[in-house]
Protein backbone atom coordinates (compact mmCIF):
# COMPACT_ATOMS: atom_id res chain seq x y z
CA UNK A 1 -13.06 -12.91 9.48
CA UNK A 2 -14.47 -11.01 6.52
CA UNK A 3 -15.10 -7.26 6.80
CA UNK A 4 -16.78 -4.76 4.51
CA UNK A 5 -14.12 -2.14 5.20
CA UNK A 6 -10.35 -2.60 5.15
CA UNK A 7 -8.01 0.20 6.19
CA UNK A 8 -4.55 -0.31 4.69
CA UNK A 9 -1.49 1.47 6.11
CA UNK A 10 2.16 1.15 5.05
CA UNK A 11 4.58 1.97 7.84
CA UNK A 12 8.23 1.85 8.77
CA UNK A 13 9.80 3.39 11.87
CA UNK A 14 6.72 5.42 12.77
CA UNK A 15 7.01 5.31 16.56
CA UNK A 16 6.29 9.06 16.81
CA UNK A 17 2.86 8.97 15.16
CA UNK A 18 1.52 5.41 14.93
CA UNK A 19 -0.32 5.56 18.28
CA UNK A 20 -1.99 8.84 17.27
CA UNK A 21 -3.20 7.24 14.04
CA UNK A 22 -4.56 4.15 15.79
CA UNK A 23 -6.26 6.31 18.41
CA UNK A 24 -8.00 8.32 15.68
CA UNK A 25 -9.18 5.09 14.05
CA UNK A 26 -10.46 3.79 17.38
CA UNK A 27 -12.59 6.94 17.70
CA UNK A 28 -14.22 6.71 14.27
CA UNK A 29 -18.00 6.99 14.00
CA UNK A 30 -17.97 3.45 12.60
CA UNK A 31 -17.44 1.06 15.55
CA UNK A 32 -13.90 -0.41 15.60
CA UNK A 33 -15.15 -3.99 15.48
CA UNK A 34 -16.82 -3.37 12.10
CA UNK A 35 -13.65 -2.89 10.04
CA UNK A 36 -10.12 -4.25 9.85
CA UNK A 37 -6.78 -2.48 9.89
CA UNK A 38 -3.94 -4.00 7.89
CA UNK A 39 -0.53 -2.53 8.73
CA UNK A 40 2.24 -3.37 6.26
CA UNK A 41 5.44 -2.96 8.24
CA UNK A 42 8.65 -2.39 6.31
CA UNK A 43 10.90 -4.12 8.87
CA UNK A 44 10.78 -1.31 11.44
CA UNK A 45 13.79 -1.21 13.76
CA UNK A 46 12.37 1.31 16.24
CA UNK A 47 9.48 0.81 18.68
CA UNK A 48 6.71 0.96 16.06
CA UNK A 49 5.70 -2.69 16.43
CA UNK A 50 5.79 -2.48 20.22
CA UNK A 51 3.51 0.55 20.17
CA UNK A 52 1.07 -1.27 17.88
CA UNK A 53 1.09 -4.31 20.17
CA UNK A 54 0.52 -2.15 23.25
CA UNK A 55 -2.37 -0.34 21.60
CA UNK A 56 -3.97 -3.60 20.52
CA UNK A 57 -3.59 -4.98 24.04
CA UNK A 58 -5.68 -2.15 25.46
CA UNK A 59 -8.14 -2.15 22.55
CA UNK A 60 -8.80 -5.83 21.79
CA UNK A 61 -12.02 -4.98 19.96
CA UNK A 62 -9.96 -3.51 17.12
CA UNK A 63 -9.10 -5.87 14.29
CA UNK A 64 -5.43 -5.04 13.72
CA UNK A 65 -3.21 -7.23 11.57
CA UNK A 66 0.46 -6.74 10.79
CA UNK A 67 1.94 -8.04 7.56
CA UNK A 68 5.59 -7.83 6.53
CA UNK A 69 6.59 -5.53 3.69
CA UNK A 70 9.99 -7.03 2.91
CA UNK A 71 10.63 -4.63 -0.01
CA UNK A 72 10.36 -1.70 2.40
CA UNK A 73 8.72 0.72 -0.02
CA UNK A 74 5.26 2.28 -0.01
CA UNK A 75 3.65 0.72 -3.11
CA UNK A 76 4.75 -2.80 -2.15
CA UNK A 77 3.45 -2.18 1.37
CA UNK A 78 0.10 -1.05 0.02
CA UNK A 79 -0.20 -4.05 -2.28
CA UNK A 80 0.79 -6.45 0.48
CA UNK A 81 -1.87 -4.94 2.73
CA UNK A 82 -4.53 -5.12 0.00
CA UNK A 83 -3.70 -8.74 -0.76
CA UNK A 84 -4.15 -9.59 2.91
CA UNK A 85 -7.41 -7.66 3.30
CA UNK A 86 -11.00 -8.82 2.90
CA UNK A 87 -12.98 -5.60 2.52
CA UNK A 88 -15.24 -4.51 -0.29
CA UNK A 89 -14.12 -0.96 0.51
CA UNK A 90 -10.38 -0.28 0.65
CA UNK A 91 -9.33 2.88 2.49
CA UNK A 92 -5.68 3.85 2.29
CA UNK A 93 -4.10 5.87 5.09
CA UNK A 94 -0.58 6.81 6.11
CA UNK A 95 1.22 6.39 9.42
CA UNK A 96 1.72 10.19 9.46
CA UNK A 97 -2.02 10.83 9.18
CA UNK A 98 -4.76 11.62 11.70
CA UNK A 99 -8.18 11.18 10.04
CA UNK A 100 -11.19 13.03 11.43
CA UNK A 101 -13.55 10.79 13.39
CA UNK A 102 -16.05 10.65 10.50
CA UNK A 103 -13.40 9.93 7.84
CA UNK A 104 -14.25 6.27 7.22
CA UNK A 105 -18.00 6.86 7.32
CA UNK A 106 -17.89 9.68 4.78
CA UNK A 107 -15.58 7.81 2.40
CA UNK A 108 -17.70 4.67 2.44
CA UNK A 109 -20.92 6.67 2.00
CA UNK A 110 -19.59 8.28 -1.19
CA UNK A 111 -18.44 4.93 -2.58
CA UNK A 112 -21.83 3.37 -1.83
CA UNK A 113 -23.55 6.22 -3.70
CA UNK A 114 -21.31 5.64 -6.72
CA UNK A 115 -20.06 9.23 -6.69
CA UNK A 116 -16.62 8.14 -7.93
CA UNK A 117 -14.22 5.22 -8.15
CA UNK A 118 -11.79 6.93 -5.78
CA UNK A 119 -12.78 9.44 -3.13
CA UNK A 120 -10.76 11.49 -0.68
CA UNK A 121 -10.66 14.78 1.15
CA UNK A 122 -8.48 17.58 2.45
CA UNK A 123 -5.12 17.34 4.12
CA UNK A 124 -4.87 19.51 7.20
CA UNK A 125 -1.13 19.96 7.57
CA UNK A 126 0.34 19.87 11.10
CA UNK A 127 3.96 20.48 12.15
CA UNK A 128 5.87 17.38 13.22
CA UNK A 129 7.31 19.12 16.25
CA UNK A 130 7.08 22.37 18.21
CA UNK A 131 10.12 24.01 16.59
CA UNK A 132 9.81 27.14 14.46
CA UNK A 133 11.31 25.25 11.52
CA UNK A 134 8.69 22.50 11.71
CA UNK A 135 5.91 25.08 11.97
CA UNK A 136 7.24 27.00 8.97
CA UNK A 137 7.46 23.81 6.90
CA UNK A 138 3.83 23.04 7.76
CA UNK A 139 2.82 26.53 6.55
CA UNK A 140 4.79 26.08 3.32
CA UNK A 141 3.33 22.61 2.70
CA UNK A 142 -0.18 24.05 2.57
CA UNK A 143 0.60 27.37 0.86
CA UNK A 144 -0.38 28.07 -2.74
CA UNK A 145 3.17 29.15 -3.61
CA UNK A 146 4.53 25.93 -2.17
CA UNK A 147 2.19 23.37 -3.66
CA UNK A 148 0.58 25.17 -6.61
CA UNK A 149 -2.93 24.03 -7.40
CA UNK A 150 -2.95 20.84 -5.31
CA UNK A 151 -6.49 21.44 -4.03
CA UNK A 152 -6.38 18.79 -1.33
CA UNK A 153 -3.69 20.75 0.54
CA UNK A 154 -5.66 24.01 0.56
CA UNK A 155 -8.21 24.21 3.39
CA UNK A 156 -10.54 26.50 1.42
CA UNK A 157 -10.88 24.11 -1.54
CA UNK A 158 -14.39 23.13 -2.60
CA UNK A 159 -15.66 19.66 -3.48
CA UNK A 160 -15.44 18.39 -7.04
CA UNK A 161 -13.89 15.98 -9.50
CA UNK A 162 -10.08 16.17 -9.57
CA UNK A 163 -6.96 14.42 -10.89
CA UNK A 164 -5.90 13.00 -7.54
CA UNK A 165 -6.69 12.89 -3.84
CA UNK A 166 -4.47 12.08 -0.87
CA UNK A 167 -4.50 8.43 0.15
CA UNK A 168 -7.83 7.45 -1.44
CA UNK A 169 -10.78 5.15 -0.77
CA UNK A 170 -11.64 2.57 -3.42
CA UNK A 171 -14.01 -0.22 -4.22
CA UNK A 172 -12.08 -3.48 -4.37
CA UNK A 173 -13.73 -4.07 -7.74
CA UNK A 174 -12.03 -0.93 -9.07
CA UNK A 175 -8.61 -2.24 -8.06
CA UNK A 176 -9.48 -5.62 -9.56
CA UNK A 177 -10.23 -3.80 -12.82
CA UNK A 178 -7.26 -1.41 -13.12
CA UNK A 179 -4.68 -3.25 -11.01
CA UNK A 180 -2.90 -2.44 -7.78
CA UNK A 181 -0.20 0.15 -7.06
CA UNK A 182 2.78 0.16 -9.43
CA UNK A 183 5.75 -1.15 -7.44
CA UNK A 184 8.25 0.21 -9.95
CA UNK A 185 7.34 3.74 -8.83
CA UNK A 186 8.72 4.45 -5.36
CA UNK A 187 6.76 7.72 -5.20
CA UNK A 188 3.80 9.18 -7.11
CA UNK A 189 2.17 5.77 -6.86
CA UNK A 190 -1.17 7.40 -5.94
CA UNK A 191 -1.13 9.74 -8.93
CA UNK A 192 -0.23 6.90 -11.29
CA UNK A 193 -3.06 4.72 -10.01
CA UNK A 194 -5.49 7.61 -10.38
CA UNK A 195 -4.30 8.13 -13.97
CA UNK A 196 -5.19 4.51 -14.71
CA UNK A 197 -8.58 4.88 -13.03
CA UNK A 198 -9.39 7.96 -15.13
CA UNK A 199 -8.18 6.33 -18.35
CA UNK A 200 -10.45 3.36 -17.62
CA UNK A 201 -13.45 5.72 -17.43
CA UNK A 202 -13.42 6.19 -13.66
CA UNK A 203 -13.62 9.39 -11.62
CA UNK A 204 -11.72 10.88 -8.68
CA UNK A 205 -13.76 12.97 -6.23
CA UNK A 206 -12.51 15.40 -3.61
CA UNK A 207 -15.02 16.00 -0.80
CA UNK A 208 -14.00 19.00 1.29
CA UNK A 209 -15.98 17.66 4.27
CA UNK A 210 -13.59 14.70 4.48
CA UNK A 211 -10.54 15.81 6.42
CA UNK A 212 -7.36 14.18 7.55
CA UNK A 213 -4.52 15.66 9.55
CA UNK A 214 -1.04 15.06 8.17
CA UNK A 215 2.33 15.69 9.79
CA UNK A 216 4.79 17.47 7.51
CA UNK A 217 8.56 16.94 7.70
CA UNK A 218 10.30 18.37 10.75
CA UNK A 219 13.50 19.79 9.22
CA UNK A 220 14.92 21.01 5.93
CA UNK A 221 16.99 17.90 5.27
CA UNK A 222 13.96 15.63 5.43
CA UNK A 223 11.90 18.14 3.42
CA UNK A 224 14.55 18.29 0.67
CA UNK A 225 14.78 14.49 0.47
CA UNK A 226 11.00 14.21 0.31
CA UNK A 227 10.58 16.68 -2.56
CA UNK A 228 13.62 15.47 -4.46
CA UNK A 229 12.02 12.01 -4.39
CA UNK A 230 8.70 13.47 -5.53
CA UNK A 231 10.34 15.19 -8.49
CA UNK A 232 12.46 12.18 -9.46
CA UNK A 233 9.54 9.78 -9.57
CA UNK A 234 7.16 12.30 -11.12
CA UNK A 235 9.24 12.28 -14.29
CA UNK A 236 9.22 8.48 -14.32
CA UNK A 237 5.44 8.55 -14.05
CA UNK A 238 5.12 11.18 -16.80
CA UNK A 239 7.06 8.97 -19.22
CA UNK A 240 4.00 6.70 -19.13
CA UNK A 241 1.32 9.39 -18.88
CA UNK A 242 2.72 12.60 -20.45
CA UNK A 243 -0.77 14.05 -20.77
CA UNK A 244 -1.10 14.22 -16.98
CA UNK A 245 1.51 16.97 -16.55
CA UNK A 246 0.15 20.11 -14.86
CA UNK A 247 1.53 23.64 -14.79
CA UNK A 248 2.32 23.45 -11.06
CA UNK A 249 4.46 20.37 -11.73
CA UNK A 250 6.28 21.85 -14.73
CA UNK A 251 7.21 25.20 -13.16
CA UNK A 252 9.94 24.08 -10.69
CA UNK A 253 12.10 22.19 -13.23
CA UNK A 254 11.54 24.87 -15.90
CA UNK A 255 12.53 27.61 -13.45
CA UNK A 256 15.62 25.74 -12.29
CA UNK A 257 16.62 24.94 -15.87
CA UNK A 258 16.25 28.61 -16.85
CA UNK A 259 18.58 29.62 -14.01
CA UNK A 260 21.17 27.08 -15.11
CA UNK A 261 21.02 28.22 -18.73
CA UNK A 262 21.28 31.90 -17.79
CA UNK A 263 24.19 31.26 -15.44
CA UNK A 264 26.11 29.22 -18.01
CA UNK A 265 25.47 31.68 -20.86
CA UNK A 266 26.54 34.60 -18.64
CA UNK A 267 30.09 33.51 -19.42
CA UNK A 268 29.44 34.52 -23.03
CA UNK A 269 27.58 37.75 -22.36
CA UNK A 270 27.23 39.65 -19.07
CA UNK A 271 23.62 40.54 -19.98
CA UNK A 272 22.63 36.96 -19.26
CA UNK A 273 24.06 37.33 -15.77
CA UNK A 274 21.88 40.40 -15.25
CA UNK A 275 18.86 38.32 -16.30
CA UNK A 276 20.01 35.56 -13.96
CA UNK A 277 20.17 37.95 -10.99
CA UNK A 278 16.89 39.58 -12.00
CA UNK A 279 15.07 36.26 -12.12
CA UNK A 280 16.33 35.34 -8.65
CA UNK A 281 15.28 38.73 -7.24
CA UNK A 282 11.77 38.41 -8.70
CA UNK A 283 11.47 34.86 -7.38
CA UNK A 284 12.58 35.73 -3.84
CA UNK A 285 10.39 38.85 -3.81
CA UNK A 286 7.38 36.76 -4.87
CA UNK A 287 7.99 34.32 -2.01
CA UNK A 288 8.49 37.11 0.53
CA UNK A 289 5.42 39.14 -0.37
CA UNK A 290 3.29 36.09 -1.15
CA UNK A 291 3.72 34.53 2.29
CA UNK A 292 3.43 37.49 4.64
CA UNK A 293 -0.28 36.92 5.40
CA UNK A 294 0.41 33.32 6.45
CA UNK A 295 2.66 34.18 9.38
CA UNK A 296 0.90 37.13 11.04
CA UNK A 297 -0.55 35.14 13.92
CA UNK A 298 2.48 32.90 14.42
CA UNK A 299 5.07 32.94 17.17
CA UNK A 300 8.09 35.10 16.26
CA UNK A 301 6.56 36.07 12.88
CA UNK A 302 9.69 37.53 11.28
CA UNK A 303 11.75 34.40 11.91
CA UNK A 304 8.85 32.18 10.86
CA UNK A 305 8.46 34.28 7.72
CA UNK A 306 12.06 33.71 6.73
CA UNK A 307 11.84 29.99 7.51
CA UNK A 308 8.62 29.70 5.49
CA UNK A 309 10.25 31.36 2.47
CA UNK A 310 13.24 29.02 2.79
CA UNK A 311 10.90 26.03 3.11
CA UNK A 312 9.14 26.87 -0.17
CA UNK A 313 12.50 27.49 -1.84
CA UNK A 314 13.68 24.08 -0.60
CA UNK A 315 10.53 22.42 -1.97
CA UNK A 316 10.87 24.06 -5.39
CA UNK A 317 14.59 23.44 -5.86
CA UNK A 318 14.47 19.88 -4.52
CA UNK A 319 11.46 18.96 -6.65
CA UNK A 320 12.91 20.63 -9.75
CA UNK A 321 16.39 19.11 -9.36
CA UNK A 322 14.93 15.65 -8.73
CA UNK A 323 12.80 15.99 -11.86
CA UNK A 324 15.72 17.16 -14.02
CA UNK A 325 18.06 14.48 -12.67
CA UNK A 326 15.44 11.85 -13.47
CA UNK A 327 15.06 13.25 -17.00
CA UNK A 328 18.82 13.20 -17.59
CA UNK A 329 19.11 9.75 -16.08
CA UNK A 330 16.34 8.44 -18.33
CA UNK A 331 17.90 10.08 -21.42
CA UNK A 332 21.27 8.41 -20.87
CA UNK A 333 19.57 5.09 -20.16
CA UNK A 334 18.07 4.95 -23.65
């Protein structure tokens, strides 16, 4: 069958959230028999596929297809899903996401009006579990100090033209023009595609009325791995599009590099060690005083406060170290 709308979703071992995502798609304002869902599975070895099959059994009116993503990475999964889709409108989602029930309708309406070549909305960050750590990570992942000026993560952001949006909804003709997701980038694939769209004369539009829930990482280990990967692949992307660097992206590696330089040079002169300690004190104080309003209504606010500060610190240092490692790795590969 041929559909106007294709929802593409890469997934691997998403047994905890896949049913929630499918349930939110079933309850869209667009009837479920009017669009298709293409799930690109990266060889899941948990119960993800069983949960999809069970859901489809009880909702046969939904057009769910599963394709195999043998490379097991996100951009290859997205491209596999696109190549197996039929829609004029391609809407990318994530297995960790819970779109509002009018998500598809609003995205398609903007594309039909020609507002932009890629449209998207706000991420509403939810904790992955009921632990204080998971709740603190969710606070950090939507806090200005944690994510800088990434408007789509800030609930109070207004609509307008931007550099990137989460996930994205595209006309197929746009992807035919600029190409699919770059499979050599294992992260930042969205940002890179948006850079190509903008360079081809296209526009990216953030509509604050379009909202999608997103589950943040549940512990510090997973958070550190996530942001290290973001930083590593951001540098790879910037090698191709250096003009797309933003202050919020440059600050973590610059800050980390300054600490390393001050610590090393403190061997030569103790004054550099004083500067090193001073910079750390200012940084920690900024995190402490900058996050206190975010935890007032939370359970066990003092503990949550400390965990939120540590979450932002983890994000900054992981992103910055991943970025610097990627830069060093690229330098020695020349």
